[in-house]
Amino acid sequence: MSTTPLTSAERENGSTFAPKFDANGLLTAVVVDDQTGEVLVVAHMNNDALKQTLETGHVTFWSRSRQRLWMKGETSGNVLTLREVLVDCDQDALVIRARPAGPTCHTGAVSCFYRRLDSGESGIALVKVKT
C-alpha cells in the first residue's frame, strides 16, 4: 500500500494501491459471498484492519462502537475467509469477496441484509427476505 499522493489519473487508472481513507481514517467495505454474490455485511476498515485482513486472510474491520479491531467470527467462529478484494475507482471503498464459515449477522442470519422495505397502504414496513 502506497502513501505517496497520486494524481486523479494515477488513482483511477494506475496500478498503485493507495487507499483513500476518510477523515476518520476509514474505508467502507462491502463483503459479498464469493460463491453466491450475496451481500453479507457492510462495515469499515482502518489501515490496520486492512493490513490484518491482507496478512491473515480473515476479514477484519474497525469497530466504531468498540473502538478496536474486530475480526469477523472472533467469538462465534463464523470467520470470513478472504478470496478477493476489489477497489473502487477513487480507492475509498472496497468490495471484499469472502467465504463465510457460518452466519454473518450477529442475529444468526446468513446476511445482515435479511429485510427489505415494503411500501403498502399503512406505510413503509420491514419484511424478512430469504437469505
C-alpha atoms as a PDB file:
ATOM      1  CA  MET A   1       0.000   0.000   0.000  1.00  0.00           C
ATOM      2  CA  SER A   2       1.352   3.342  -1.015  1.00  0.00           C
ATOM      3  CA  THR A   3       1.121   6.559   0.996  1.00  0.00           C
ATOM      4  CA  THR A   4       2.519   8.639  -1.863  1.00  0.00           C
ATOM      5  CA  PRO A   5      -0.069  11.132  -3.184  1.00  0.00           C
ATOM      6  CA  LEU A   6      -1.458  10.184  -6.583  1.00  0.00           C
ATOM      7  CA  THR A   7      -2.972  12.289  -9.327  1.00  0.00           C
ATOM      8  CA  SER A   8      -6.596  11.546 -10.198  1.00  0.00           C
ATOM      9  CA  ALA A   9      -5.452   9.733 -13.343  1.00  0.00           C
ATOM     10  CA  GLU A  10      -2.952   7.624 -11.375  1.00  0.00           C
ATOM     11  CA  ARG A  11      -5.567   6.843  -8.703  1.00  0.00           C
ATOM     12  CA  GLU A  12      -8.290   5.942 -11.212  1.00  0.00           C
ATOM     13  CA  ASN A  13      -6.279   4.163 -13.886  1.00  0.00           C
ATOM     14  CA  GLY A  14      -2.953   3.177 -12.372  1.00  0.00           C
ATOM     15  CA  SER A  15      -1.777   0.029 -10.642  1.00  0.00           C
ATOM     16  CA  THR A  16      -0.688   1.610  -7.342  1.00  0.00           C
ATOM     17  CA  PHE A  17      -2.879   0.717  -4.390  1.00  0.00           C
ATOM     18  CA  ALA A  18      -3.156   3.882  -2.299  1.00  0.00           C
ATOM     19  CA  PRO A  19      -6.333   3.611  -0.217  1.00  0.00           C
ATOM     20  CA  LYS A  20      -8.082   6.911   0.392  1.00  0.00           C
ATOM     21  CA  PHE A  21      -9.292   6.819   3.993  1.00  0.00           C
ATOM     22  CA  ASP A  22     -11.921   9.329   5.150  1.00  0.00           C
ATOM     23  CA  ALA A  23     -11.418  11.985   7.858  1.00  0.00           C
ATOM     24  CA  ASN A  24     -11.892   9.246  10.490  1.00  0.00           C
ATOM     25  CA  GLY A  25      -9.282   7.024   8.838  1.00  0.00           C
ATOM     26  CA  LEU A  26     -11.861   4.583   7.464  1.00  0.00           C
ATOM     27  CA  LEU A  27     -12.832   2.879   4.208  1.00  0.00           C
ATOM     28  CA  THR A  28     -16.248   1.358   3.532  1.00  0.00           C
ATOM     29  CA  ALA A  29     -16.046  -2.391   2.972  1.00  0.00           C
ATOM     30  CA  VAL A  30     -18.905  -4.305   1.345  1.00  0.00           C
ATOM     31  CA  VAL A  31     -18.478  -8.034   1.905  1.00  0.00           C
ATOM     32  CA  VAL A  32     -20.119 -10.441  -0.527  1.00  0.00           C
ATOM     33  CA  ASP A  33     -20.266 -14.222  -0.528  1.00  0.00           C
ATOM     34  CA  ASP A  34     -17.667 -15.445  -3.002  1.00  0.00           C
ATOM     35  CA  GLN A  35     -19.884 -18.279  -4.205  1.00  0.00           C
ATOM     36  CA  THR A  36     -23.335 -16.672  -4.337  1.00  0.00           C
ATOM     37  CA  GLY A  37     -22.555 -12.960  -4.711  1.00  0.00           C
ATOM     38  CA  GLU A  38     -24.985 -12.190  -1.863  1.00  0.00           C
ATOM     39  CA  VAL A  39     -24.139  -9.066   0.150  1.00  0.00           C
ATOM     40  CA  LEU A  40     -23.241 -10.270   3.636  1.00  0.00           C
ATOM     41  CA  VAL A  41     -22.235  -7.165   5.581  1.00  0.00           C
ATOM     42  CA  VAL A  42     -21.137  -3.558   5.160  1.00  0.00           C
ATOM     43  CA  ALA A  43     -18.550  -2.373   7.663  1.00  0.00           C
ATOM     44  CA  HIS A  44     -15.497  -0.157   7.919  1.00  0.00           C
ATOM     45  CA  MET A  45     -11.773  -0.757   7.817  1.00  0.00           C
ATOM     46  CA  ASN A  46      -8.935   1.393   9.001  1.00  0.00           C
ATOM     47  CA  ASN A  47      -5.366   0.878   7.792  1.00  0.00           C
ATOM     48  CA  ASP A  48      -4.646  -1.735  10.490  1.00  0.00           C
ATOM     49  CA  ALA A  49      -7.806  -3.722   9.704  1.00  0.00           C
ATOM     50  CA  LEU A  50      -6.967  -3.713   6.006  1.00  0.00           C
ATOM     51  CA  LYS A  51      -3.390  -4.842   6.673  1.00  0.00           C
ATOM     52  CA  GLN A  52      -4.541  -7.593   9.045  1.00  0.00           C
ATOM     53  CA  THR A  53      -7.111  -8.803   6.506  1.00  0.00           C
ATOM     54  CA  LEU A  54      -4.494  -8.988   3.748  1.00  0.00           C
ATOM     55  CA  GLU A  55      -1.892 -10.636   6.015  1.00  0.00           C
ATOM     56  CA  THR A  56      -4.117 -13.234   7.714  1.00  0.00           C
ATOM     57  CA  GLY A  57      -6.745 -13.923   5.062  1.00  0.00           C
ATOM     58  CA  HIS A  58      -9.514 -13.379   7.649  1.00  0.00           C
ATOM     59  CA  VAL A  59     -11.680 -10.304   7.147  1.00  0.00           C
ATOM     60  CA  THR A  60     -11.089  -7.780   9.929  1.00  0.00           C
ATOM     61  CA  PHE A  61     -12.882  -4.496  10.494  1.00  0.00           C
ATOM     62  CA  TRP A  62     -12.575  -1.417  12.658  1.00  0.00           C
ATOM     63  CA  SER A  63     -15.447  -1.423  15.140  1.00  0.00           C
ATOM     64  CA  ARG A  64     -16.595   2.163  15.529  1.00  0.00           C
ATOM     65  CA  SER A  65     -18.694   1.308  18.586  1.00  0.00           C
ATOM     66  CA  ARG A  66     -15.946  -0.648  20.368  1.00  0.00           C
ATOM     67  CA  GLN A  67     -13.079   1.477  19.017  1.00  0.00           C
ATOM     68  CA  ARG A  68     -10.935  -1.563  18.249  1.00  0.00           C
ATOM     69  CA  LEU A  69     -10.095  -4.060  15.536  1.00  0.00           C
ATOM     70  CA  TRP A  70     -12.688  -6.773  15.142  1.00  0.00           C
ATOM     71  CA  MET A  71     -12.110  -9.954  13.162  1.00  0.00           C
ATOM     72  CA  LYS A  72     -15.457 -11.246  11.970  1.00  0.00           C
ATOM     73  CA  GLY A  73     -16.020 -14.540  13.747  1.00  0.00           C
ATOM     74  CA  GLU A  74     -13.539 -13.943  16.567  1.00  0.00           C
ATOM     75  CA  THR A  75     -16.113 -15.098  19.135  1.00  0.00           C
ATOM     76  CA  SER A  76     -18.613 -17.081  17.019  1.00  0.00           C
ATOM     77  CA  GLY A  77     -16.094 -18.906  14.847  1.00  0.00           C
ATOM     78  CA  ASN A  78     -18.023 -17.727  11.769  1.00  0.00           C
ATOM     79  CA  VAL A  79     -14.997 -16.160  10.117  1.00  0.00           C
ATOM     80  CA  LEU A  80     -14.966 -14.633   6.668  1.00  0.00           C
ATOM     81  CA  THR A  81     -12.090 -16.072   4.638  1.00  0.00           C
ATOM     82  CA  LEU A  82     -10.736 -13.589   2.128  1.00  0.00           C
ATOM     83  CA  ARG A  83     -10.955 -14.585  -1.531  1.00  0.00           C
ATOM     84  CA  GLU A  84     -10.549 -11.275  -3.400  1.00  0.00           C
ATOM     85  CA  VAL A  85     -10.522  -7.519  -2.813  1.00  0.00           C
ATOM     86  CA  LEU A  86     -11.996  -5.187  -5.423  1.00  0.00           C
ATOM     87  CA  VAL A  87     -11.164  -1.477  -5.188  1.00  0.00           C
ATOM     88  CA  ASP A  88     -13.431   1.286  -6.480  1.00  0.00           C
ATOM     89  CA  CYS A  89     -12.281   3.991  -8.895  1.00  0.00           C
ATOM     90  CA  ASP A  90     -11.128   6.515  -6.302  1.00  0.00           C
ATOM     91  CA  GLN A  91      -9.889   3.874  -3.850  1.00  0.00           C
ATOM     92  CA  ASP A  92     -12.143   4.879  -0.953  1.00  0.00           C
ATOM     93  CA  ALA A  93     -14.352   1.777  -0.897  1.00  0.00           C
ATOM     94  CA  LEU A  94     -13.797  -1.955  -1.193  1.00  0.00           C
ATOM     95  CA  VAL A  95     -15.822  -4.955  -2.235  1.00  0.00           C
ATOM     96  CA  ILE A  96     -14.475  -7.978  -0.436  1.00  0.00           C
ATOM     97  CA  ARG A  97     -15.317 -11.387  -1.796  1.00  0.00           C
ATOM     98  CA  ALA A  98     -15.147 -13.868   1.076  1.00  0.00           C
ATOM     99  CA  ARG A  99     -16.146 -17.372   2.003  1.00  0.00           C
ATOM    100  CA  PRO A 100     -18.281 -17.363   5.181  1.00  0.00           C
ATOM    101  CA  ALA A 101     -17.824 -20.154   7.747  1.00  0.00           C
ATOM    102  CA  GLY A 102     -21.381 -19.713   9.006  1.00  0.00           C
ATOM    103  CA  PRO A 103     -23.951 -16.973   9.518  1.00  0.00           C
ATOM    104  CA  THR A 104     -22.505 -13.498   9.020  1.00  0.00           C
ATOM    105  CA  CYS A 105     -25.009 -11.453  11.005  1.00  0.00           C
ATOM    106  CA  HIS A 106     -24.889 -11.332  14.800  1.00  0.00           C
ATOM    107  CA  THR A 107     -28.626 -12.174  14.714  1.00  0.00           C
ATOM    108  CA  GLY A 108     -27.800 -15.574  13.237  1.00  0.00           C
ATOM    109  CA  ALA A 109     -28.953 -14.635   9.742  1.00  0.00           C
ATOM    110  CA  VAL A 110     -26.807 -15.640   6.784  1.00  0.00           C
ATOM    111  CA  SER A 111     -26.546 -11.973   5.770  1.00  0.00           C
ATOM    112  CA  CYS A 112     -27.020  -8.722   7.675  1.00  0.00           C
ATOM    113  CA  PHE A 113     -29.404  -7.785   4.844  1.00  0.00           C
ATOM    114  CA  TYR A 114     -32.311 -10.048   5.744  1.00  0.00           C
ATOM    115  CA  ARG A 115     -35.114  -7.465   5.434  1.00  0.00           C
ATOM    116  CA  ARG A 116     -36.445  -5.293   2.635  1.00  0.00           C
ATOM    117  CA  LEU A 117     -38.613  -2.204   2.584  1.00  0.00           C
ATOM    118  CA  ASP A 118     -42.211  -2.874   1.670  1.00  0.00           C
ATOM    119  CA  SER A 119     -44.472   0.028   0.843  1.00  0.00           C
ATOM    120  CA  GLY A 120     -48.147  -0.562   1.452  1.00  0.00           C
ATOM    121  CA  GLU A 121     -51.351   1.211   2.417  1.00  0.00           C
ATOM    122  CA  SER A 122     -50.218   1.551   6.030  1.00  0.00           C
ATOM    123  CA  GLY A 123     -46.795   2.934   5.103  1.00  0.00           C
ATOM    124  CA  ILE A 124     -43.342   1.513   4.850  1.00  0.00           C
ATOM    125  CA  ALA A 125     -42.536  -1.675   6.764  1.00  0.00           C
ATOM    126  CA  LEU A 126     -39.619  -4.064   7.029  1.00  0.00           C
ATOM    127  CA  VAL A 127     -40.300  -7.536   5.652  1.00  0.00           C
ATOM    128  CA  LYS A 128     -37.973 -10.507   6.110  1.00  0.00           C
ATOM    129  CA  VAL A 129     -36.473 -11.997   2.963  1.00  0.00           C
ATOM    130  CA  LYS A 130     -34.880 -15.369   2.438  1.00  0.00           C
ATOM    131  CA  THR A 131     -31.106 -15.191   2.760  1.00  0.00           C
END
